[in-house]
Amino acid sequence: MATTANQASAKQADDINAAPTRLFSLDALRGFDMFWIMGGEEIFHGMAKATGSPFWGAIANQFTHPDWNGFHLYDLIFPLFLFMAGVSTPFSVGRELEKGKTRQQLLLRVIKRAFILVLLGLVVNNGIKIMPISEIRFPSVLGRIGIAYMFANIIYLYSKESWQMFWFCFFIIGYWLLLKFTSAPGFPMGDLTMKGNFASYVDRSILPGRLYLGIHDPEGLFSTIPAISTGILGILTGILLKKSDITQMRKVATMAVAGVIFLILAQIWNLDFPINKNLWTSSFVLHVGGLSLLLMALFYYIIDVKGYKKWAFYFRVIGMNSILIYVSGHFIKWDYTTEGFFGWIGQLVGDPFNIVVMAICYVMVKWMFLYYLYTKKTFLRV
């Protein structure tokens, strides 16, 4: 009888610590991230405009990008998505390795995914039309995700965890040294202005087509180097979350502590190498990495550890089709649809809060579209 009880307890412990095959919290956090760029930020911009309140104005300002150096919360959306792409790697690519697929097979799949993301990025930037190469913008958000994801996954496929940590440090330290001891011609060594920094100069020299800001592109090729570290950090986090010999609470604590340490190191590095999303500086990598780790720890604790999942369903619906909703605005006139269904509500509310109500309706229309796809189990997989 005692033996049976011990066996049952051991089995229960194994079930608790077993490596998960999919993280509900990861889908929810991805949806939370995408919520802000599918229209969530406009709710706060609308509140600021409608009320004229400094309070709402300060919040709305966090949903803009600084001109150059500095950090607003809106700067977190892009690197957080890349971080989560890394987190999913041990659960997707890693699982395929465990099933017996060769590294060569998975390498081809990783390269194919990167290629598709680069193509989608070109479509998002330029549409589907014939135009001179000089007018095409080649760098893109999806392109950077694809390239950084590809190199981070190649490192995952062909190196152990300790070497992945090495490469994480190598890219951000190497990038810092490159920008510190170089510059564009005619500028002093270590110049970090938009025109004088070495990364922008390289992009101007080798990239065909146009750059987003003429002399600089925030998704340029050279500044993708430290973005690889953002993907690697996600992979290391995914490896931690997948381990079955570590308790869930220890995983939460590890992510939280690492997140705080990263934030402190980022502020120290910021004194010499400013936090700058445009250049994806090394201090920026640590800063957004720290915030990403803290958010992952929070969502993992609430959803996967404590089991509170129902509240996160709204975000999970978004997270399951994140790339689709990102590119959808180039094929669906969401403003037209929202006005067609809910324009009367905006008229009833009237000025000045009709802009807030219509912003909420705009997000709701997109969510209902995603919910319909969710019920039909239709997801865009890249």
Protein backbone atom coordinates (compact mmCIF):
# COMPACT_ATOMS: atom_id res chain seq x y z
CA MET A 1 0.00 0.00 0.00
CA ALA A 2 2.82 2.39 0.95
CA THR A 3 4.70 1.41 -2.21
CA THR A 4 1.66 2.21 -4.35
CA ALA A 5 1.30 5.61 -2.67
CA ASN A 6 4.98 6.38 -3.23
CA GLN A 7 4.68 5.40 -6.89
CA ALA A 8 1.63 7.63 -7.28
CA SER A 9 3.46 10.55 -5.65
CA ALA A 10 6.49 10.01 -7.88
CA LYS A 11 4.28 9.92 -10.97
CA GLN A 12 2.55 13.11 -9.88
CA ALA A 13 5.91 14.82 -9.39
CA ASP A 14 7.00 13.69 -12.85
CA ASP A 15 3.79 15.10 -14.33
CA ILE A 16 4.34 18.44 -12.62
CA ASN A 17 7.95 18.78 -13.76
CA ALA A 18 7.52 17.27 -17.20
CA ALA A 19 8.70 19.49 -20.00
CA PRO A 20 5.70 21.23 -21.61
CA THR A 21 5.07 20.77 -25.33
CA ARG A 22 3.55 24.24 -25.71
CA LEU A 23 3.44 27.25 -23.44
CA PHE A 24 0.03 28.90 -23.09
CA SER A 25 1.82 31.86 -21.53
CA LEU A 26 4.01 32.32 -24.62
CA ASP A 27 0.99 32.58 -26.93
CA ALA A 28 -0.66 34.99 -24.49
CA LEU A 29 2.44 37.18 -24.19
CA ARG A 30 2.81 37.23 -27.98
CA GLY A 31 -0.81 38.36 -28.23
CA PHE A 32 -0.27 41.00 -25.55
CA ASP A 33 2.69 42.27 -27.55
CA MET A 34 0.77 42.40 -30.83
CA PHE A 35 -2.28 44.04 -29.22
CA TRP A 36 -0.43 47.34 -29.07
CA ILE A 37 0.41 47.50 -32.75
CA MET A 38 -2.94 46.19 -33.98
CA GLY A 39 -4.54 49.35 -32.60
CA GLY A 40 -4.26 49.23 -28.82
CA GLU A 41 -1.91 52.21 -28.73
CA GLU A 42 -4.49 54.39 -30.51
CA ILE A 43 -6.83 54.06 -27.54
CA PHE A 44 -4.34 55.95 -25.39
CA HIS A 45 -3.53 58.46 -28.11
CA GLY A 46 -7.27 59.06 -28.38
CA MET A 47 -7.60 59.56 -24.63
CA ALA A 48 -4.76 62.08 -24.67
CA LYS A 49 -6.34 64.00 -27.53
CA ALA A 50 -9.87 63.88 -26.12
CA THR A 51 -8.97 64.95 -22.59
CA GLY A 52 -5.92 67.14 -23.12
CA SER A 53 -4.74 65.68 -19.80
CA PRO A 54 -0.98 65.65 -19.06
CA PHE A 55 -1.52 62.23 -17.45
CA TRP A 56 -2.94 60.66 -20.61
CA GLY A 57 -0.44 62.62 -22.67
CA ALA A 58 2.45 61.07 -20.75
CA ILE A 59 1.03 57.58 -21.25
CA ALA A 60 0.39 58.22 -24.95
CA ASN A 61 3.97 59.42 -25.31
CA GLN A 62 5.15 55.97 -24.23
CA PHE A 63 3.48 54.66 -27.39
CA THR A 64 5.79 56.64 -29.66
CA HIS A 65 9.43 56.11 -30.60
CA PRO A 66 12.15 58.54 -29.44
CA ASP A 67 13.81 60.42 -32.28
CA TRP A 68 17.20 58.83 -31.52
CA ASN A 69 18.59 57.95 -28.07
CA GLY A 70 16.28 57.01 -25.22
CA PHE A 71 13.57 54.45 -24.60
CA HIS A 72 9.78 54.37 -24.65
CA LEU A 73 7.67 51.30 -23.95
CA TYR A 74 6.66 51.22 -27.62
CA ASP A 75 10.31 50.32 -28.38
CA LEU A 76 9.80 47.00 -26.60
CA ILE A 77 7.21 45.57 -29.01
CA PHE A 78 9.62 44.58 -31.81
CA PRO A 79 12.44 43.04 -29.71
CA LEU A 80 9.92 41.28 -27.45
CA PHE A 81 8.47 39.54 -30.50
CA LEU A 82 11.96 38.47 -31.61
CA PHE A 83 12.71 37.30 -28.06
CA MET A 84 9.56 35.15 -28.10
CA ALA A 85 10.49 33.68 -31.48
CA GLY A 86 13.64 32.51 -29.73
CA VAL A 87 11.71 31.14 -26.73
CA SER A 88 9.64 28.96 -29.07
CA THR A 89 12.73 27.42 -30.72
CA PRO A 90 13.44 24.68 -28.13
CA PHE A 91 9.75 23.73 -28.27
CA SER A 92 9.62 23.58 -32.08
CA VAL A 93 13.06 23.01 -33.57
CA GLY A 94 14.21 21.22 -30.40
CA ARG A 95 11.22 18.88 -30.48
CA GLU A 96 11.93 17.99 -34.11
CA LEU A 97 15.52 17.13 -33.15
CA GLU A 98 14.19 14.84 -30.43
CA LYS A 99 11.94 13.14 -32.97
CA GLY A 100 14.98 12.22 -35.06
CA LYS A 101 15.15 14.91 -37.73
CA THR A 102 18.68 15.80 -38.75
CA ARG A 103 20.26 19.20 -38.21
CA GLN A 104 20.57 19.59 -41.97
CA GLN A 105 16.82 19.10 -42.42
CA LEU A 106 16.03 21.65 -39.74
CA LEU A 107 18.64 24.04 -41.10
CA LEU A 108 16.80 24.11 -44.42
CA ARG A 109 13.51 24.76 -42.62
CA VAL A 110 15.04 27.64 -40.65
CA ILE A 111 16.52 29.20 -43.80
CA LYS A 112 13.19 28.79 -45.62
CA ARG A 113 11.34 30.54 -42.80
CA ALA A 114 13.81 33.41 -42.83
CA PHE A 115 13.43 33.76 -46.60
CA ILE A 116 9.62 33.88 -46.33
CA LEU A 117 9.78 36.52 -43.59
CA VAL A 118 12.14 38.65 -45.69
CA LEU A 119 9.71 38.40 -48.64
CA LEU A 120 6.74 39.28 -46.42
CA GLY A 121 8.72 42.25 -45.13
CA LEU A 122 9.23 43.45 -48.70
CA VAL A 123 5.48 43.17 -49.33
CA VAL A 124 4.65 45.08 -46.14
CA ASN A 125 7.10 47.84 -47.09
CA ASN A 126 6.35 48.19 -50.77
CA GLY A 127 3.18 46.32 -51.63
CA ILE A 128 2.94 43.95 -54.59
CA LYS A 129 3.80 46.09 -57.58
CA ILE A 130 6.55 46.71 -60.10
CA MET A 131 8.79 49.62 -59.18
CA PRO A 132 12.38 50.78 -59.69
CA ILE A 133 14.93 49.21 -57.35
CA SER A 134 15.90 52.70 -56.19
CA GLU A 135 12.40 53.14 -54.72
CA ILE A 136 12.23 49.77 -52.93
CA ARG A 137 12.86 49.66 -49.20
CA PHE A 138 14.57 46.32 -48.53
CA PRO A 139 15.08 46.42 -44.71
CA SER A 140 11.95 45.58 -42.71
CA VAL A 141 10.71 44.48 -39.31
CA LEU A 142 9.85 41.01 -40.59
CA GLY A 143 13.13 40.85 -42.49
CA ARG A 144 15.13 41.56 -39.34
CA ILE A 145 13.12 38.97 -37.41
CA GLY A 146 13.79 36.44 -40.16
CA ILE A 147 17.54 37.07 -40.41
CA ALA A 148 18.13 37.30 -36.65
CA TYR A 149 15.94 34.23 -36.07
CA MET A 150 17.87 32.29 -38.71
CA PHE A 151 21.32 32.96 -37.25
CA ALA A 152 20.12 32.42 -33.67
CA ASN A 153 18.62 29.06 -34.69
CA ILE A 154 21.74 27.99 -36.56
CA ILE A 155 23.70 28.66 -33.38
CA TYR A 156 21.10 26.65 -31.42
CA LEU A 157 21.35 23.73 -33.86
CA TYR A 158 25.13 23.51 -33.87
CA SER A 159 26.26 24.60 -30.40
CA LYS A 160 25.72 23.72 -26.78
CA GLU A 161 24.08 26.02 -24.25
CA SER A 162 27.41 27.37 -22.97
CA TRP A 163 28.43 28.34 -26.50
CA GLN A 164 25.06 29.99 -27.07
CA MET A 165 25.83 32.19 -24.07
CA PHE A 166 29.22 32.94 -25.59
CA TRP A 167 27.66 34.03 -28.90
CA PHE A 168 25.12 36.18 -27.07
CA CYS A 169 27.97 38.11 -25.44
CA PHE A 170 30.14 38.06 -28.57
CA PHE A 171 27.61 39.86 -30.76
CA ILE A 172 26.77 42.66 -28.33
CA ILE A 173 30.36 43.24 -27.20
CA GLY A 174 31.67 43.03 -30.75
CA TYR A 175 29.01 45.45 -31.99
CA TRP A 176 29.85 47.90 -29.21
CA LEU A 177 33.57 47.79 -30.07
CA LEU A 178 32.88 48.19 -33.77
CA LEU A 179 30.80 51.34 -33.26
CA LYS A 180 33.12 52.69 -30.57
CA PHE A 181 36.27 52.53 -32.70
CA THR A 182 34.82 53.36 -36.12
CA SER A 183 32.64 56.02 -37.72
CA ALA A 184 31.44 57.26 -41.08
CA PRO A 185 34.14 59.02 -43.12
CA GLY A 186 34.68 62.58 -41.94
CA PHE A 187 33.32 61.96 -38.44
CA PRO A 188 35.26 61.41 -35.18
CA MET A 189 35.84 57.86 -34.00
CA GLY A 190 32.90 56.52 -32.03
CA ASP A 191 30.40 59.05 -33.43
CA LEU A 192 26.89 57.77 -32.73
CA THR A 193 24.84 60.41 -34.53
CA MET A 194 22.48 59.30 -37.28
CA LYS A 195 24.82 60.45 -40.04
CA GLY A 196 28.13 59.73 -38.35
CA ASN A 197 27.73 56.22 -36.93
CA PHE A 198 29.39 53.31 -38.70
CA ALA A 199 26.29 51.07 -38.88
CA SER A 200 24.27 53.62 -40.85
CA TYR A 201 27.26 54.32 -43.07
CA VAL A 202 27.58 50.62 -43.95
CA ASP A 203 23.87 50.43 -44.77
CA ARG A 204 24.11 53.52 -46.99
CA SER A 205 27.10 51.97 -48.76
CA ILE A 206 25.87 48.44 -49.46
CA LEU A 207 22.07 48.33 -49.31
CA PRO A 208 20.23 48.84 -52.59
CA GLY A 209 17.03 50.87 -52.78
CA ARG A 210 16.00 53.50 -50.26
CA LEU A 211 16.50 53.70 -46.51
CA TYR A 212 13.56 54.57 -44.28
CA LEU A 213 15.09 57.85 -43.07
CA GLY A 214 17.20 58.53 -46.15
CA ILE A 215 20.56 58.32 -44.39
CA HIS A 216 19.54 55.64 -41.90
CA ASP A 217 17.18 52.69 -41.59
CA PRO A 218 16.08 51.46 -38.12
CA GLU A 219 15.88 47.91 -39.54
CA GLY A 220 19.19 48.18 -41.41
CA LEU A 221 21.41 45.22 -42.18
CA PHE A 222 24.40 46.05 -39.98
CA SER A 223 22.37 46.67 -36.81
CA THR A 224 20.84 43.23 -37.23
CA ILE A 225 24.06 41.84 -35.71
CA PRO A 226 23.09 42.62 -32.07
CA ALA A 227 19.49 41.60 -32.81
CA ILE A 228 20.80 38.04 -33.15
CA SER A 229 21.61 38.25 -29.42
CA THR A 230 17.99 39.13 -28.72
CA GLY A 231 16.96 35.91 -30.46
CA ILE A 232 19.62 33.90 -28.62
CA LEU A 233 18.41 35.26 -25.27
CA GLY A 234 14.95 34.00 -26.16
CA ILE A 235 16.38 30.58 -27.04
CA LEU A 236 18.24 30.37 -23.72
CA THR A 237 15.00 31.28 -21.94
CA GLY A 238 13.13 28.59 -23.88
CA ILE A 239 15.76 26.01 -22.92
CA LEU A 240 15.28 26.96 -19.27
CA LEU A 241 11.49 26.70 -19.53
CA LYS A 242 11.70 23.31 -21.23
CA LYS A 243 13.93 21.71 -18.61
CA SER A 244 12.08 19.09 -16.58
CA ASP A 245 14.61 18.87 -13.73
CA ILE A 246 13.96 22.43 -12.53
CA THR A 247 10.85 23.45 -10.62
CA GLN A 248 8.51 26.00 -12.14
CA MET A 249 9.10 28.47 -9.32
CA ARG A 250 12.84 28.26 -9.82
CA LYS A 251 12.34 29.02 -13.50
CA VAL A 252 10.28 32.08 -12.59
CA ALA A 253 12.91 33.24 -10.10
CA THR A 254 15.75 32.70 -12.59
CA MET A 255 14.01 34.77 -15.28
CA ALA A 256 13.08 37.52 -12.81
CA VAL A 257 16.57 37.82 -11.31
CA ALA A 258 18.23 37.72 -14.74
CA GLY A 259 15.80 40.39 -15.94
CA VAL A 260 16.68 42.75 -13.09
CA ILE A 261 20.42 42.18 -13.60
CA PHE A 262 20.06 42.93 -17.32
CA LEU A 263 18.23 46.19 -16.57
CA ILE A 264 20.97 47.31 -14.19
CA LEU A 265 23.73 46.41 -16.66
CA ALA A 266 21.86 48.23 -19.41
CA GLN A 267 21.79 51.46 -17.41
CA ILE A 268 25.52 51.17 -16.70
CA TRP A 269 26.31 50.49 -20.36
CA ASN A 270 23.99 53.34 -21.34
CA LEU A 271 26.57 55.78 -19.92
CA ASP A 272 29.00 54.83 -22.70
CA PHE A 273 26.77 53.27 -25.37
CA PRO A 274 23.30 54.90 -25.22
CA ILE A 275 20.10 52.88 -25.30
CA ASN A 276 18.97 53.35 -28.88
CA LYS A 277 16.46 51.24 -30.79
CA ASN A 278 17.44 52.83 -34.12
CA LEU A 279 20.92 51.33 -33.79
CA TRP A 280 19.80 48.34 -31.67
CA THR A 281 22.70 49.18 -29.37
CA SER A 282 24.08 46.62 -26.95
CA SER A 283 22.63 48.53 -23.99
CA PHE A 284 19.27 48.39 -25.79
CA VAL A 285 19.63 44.60 -26.14
CA LEU A 286 20.15 44.27 -22.39
CA HIS A 287 17.38 46.72 -21.54
CA VAL A 288 14.68 45.12 -23.69
CA GLY A 289 16.06 41.69 -22.77
CA GLY A 290 15.55 42.45 -19.11
CA LEU A 291 12.00 43.67 -19.68
CA SER A 292 11.24 40.65 -21.87
CA LEU A 293 12.49 38.28 -19.17
CA LEU A 294 10.37 39.99 -16.52
CA LEU A 295 7.26 39.85 -18.70
CA MET A 296 7.90 36.19 -19.56
CA ALA A 297 8.37 35.41 -15.87
CA LEU A 298 5.12 37.21 -15.00
CA PHE A 299 3.01 35.56 -17.70
CA TYR A 300 4.56 32.13 -17.05
CA TYR A 301 3.90 32.42 -13.31
CA ILE A 302 0.29 33.56 -13.62
CA ILE A 303 -0.73 31.29 -16.50
CA ASP A 304 1.41 28.14 -16.46
CA VAL A 305 2.32 27.96 -12.77
CA LYS A 306 -0.83 29.25 -11.06
CA GLY A 307 -3.14 28.09 -13.85
CA TYR A 308 -5.05 31.34 -14.37
CA LYS A 309 -5.65 31.00 -18.10
CA LYS A 310 -9.14 32.29 -18.84
CA TRP A 311 -8.22 35.98 -18.60
CA ALA A 312 -5.45 35.50 -21.17
CA PHE A 313 -7.66 33.92 -23.83
CA TYR A 314 -8.19 37.33 -25.45
CA PHE A 315 -4.45 37.71 -26.00
CA ARG A 316 -3.95 34.09 -27.02
CA VAL A 317 -6.36 34.52 -29.92
CA ILE A 318 -4.14 37.36 -31.17
CA GLY A 319 -0.90 35.53 -30.45
CA MET A 320 -1.87 32.45 -32.45
CA ASN A 321 -2.09 34.55 -35.63
CA SER A 322 0.37 37.32 -34.87
CA ILE A 323 2.07 37.58 -38.27
CA LEU A 324 -1.26 37.47 -40.10
CA ILE A 325 -2.66 40.43 -38.17
CA TYR A 326 0.60 42.32 -38.67
CA VAL A 327 0.45 42.09 -42.47
CA SER A 328 -3.36 42.22 -42.76
CA GLY A 329 -3.53 46.02 -42.91
CA HIS A 330 -1.98 45.91 -46.37
CA PHE A 331 -4.82 43.74 -47.70
CA ILE A 332 -7.84 44.66 -45.56
CA LYS A 333 -9.22 48.18 -45.04
CA TRP A 334 -9.80 47.90 -41.32
CA ASP A 335 -10.80 51.58 -41.00
CA TYR A 336 -13.50 51.10 -43.62
CA THR A 337 -14.77 47.93 -41.94
CA THR A 338 -14.85 49.55 -38.51
CA GLU A 339 -16.67 52.60 -39.80
CA GLY A 340 -19.16 50.41 -41.66
CA PHE A 341 -20.10 48.37 -38.59
CA PHE A 342 -19.67 50.85 -35.75
CA GLY A 343 -19.64 54.34 -37.22
CA TRP A 344 -23.07 54.93 -35.68
CA ILE A 345 -21.63 54.38 -32.20
CA GLY A 346 -19.05 57.07 -32.79
CA GLN A 347 -21.83 59.41 -33.93
CA LEU A 348 -23.86 58.70 -30.79
CA VAL A 349 -20.90 59.34 -28.51
CA GLY A 350 -19.86 62.51 -30.34
CA ASP A 351 -16.82 64.70 -29.78
CA PRO A 352 -14.34 64.41 -28.20
CA PHE A 353 -14.56 60.79 -27.00
CA ASN A 354 -15.77 59.32 -30.27
CA ILE A 355 -12.12 58.85 -31.29
CA VAL A 356 -11.54 56.71 -28.20
CA VAL A 357 -14.66 54.61 -28.82
CA MET A 358 -13.81 54.12 -32.48
CA ALA A 359 -10.26 53.07 -31.55
CA ILE A 360 -11.74 50.41 -29.25
CA CYS A 361 -14.11 49.28 -32.01
CA TYR A 362 -11.19 49.13 -34.45
CA VAL A 363 -9.36 46.68 -32.19
CA MET A 364 -12.55 44.71 -31.59
CA VAL A 365 -13.17 44.23 -35.32
CA LYS A 366 -9.66 42.84 -35.76
CA TRP A 367 -10.05 40.57 -32.74
CA MET A 368 -13.37 39.16 -33.98
CA PHE A 369 -11.70 38.37 -37.30
CA LEU A 370 -8.89 36.55 -35.45
CA TYR A 371 -11.40 34.79 -33.19
CA TYR A 372 -13.27 33.46 -36.23
CA LEU A 373 -10.00 32.08 -37.61
CA TYR A 374 -9.20 30.65 -34.16
CA THR A 375 -12.51 28.75 -34.04
CA LYS A 376 -11.78 27.37 -37.52
CA LYS A 377 -8.23 26.44 -36.43
CA THR A 378 -6.86 28.55 -39.28
CA PHE A 379 -3.43 29.95 -38.54
CA LEU A 380 -0.76 31.53 -40.73
CA ARG A 381 2.38 29.51 -40.16
CA VAL A 382 5.71 30.71 -41.50
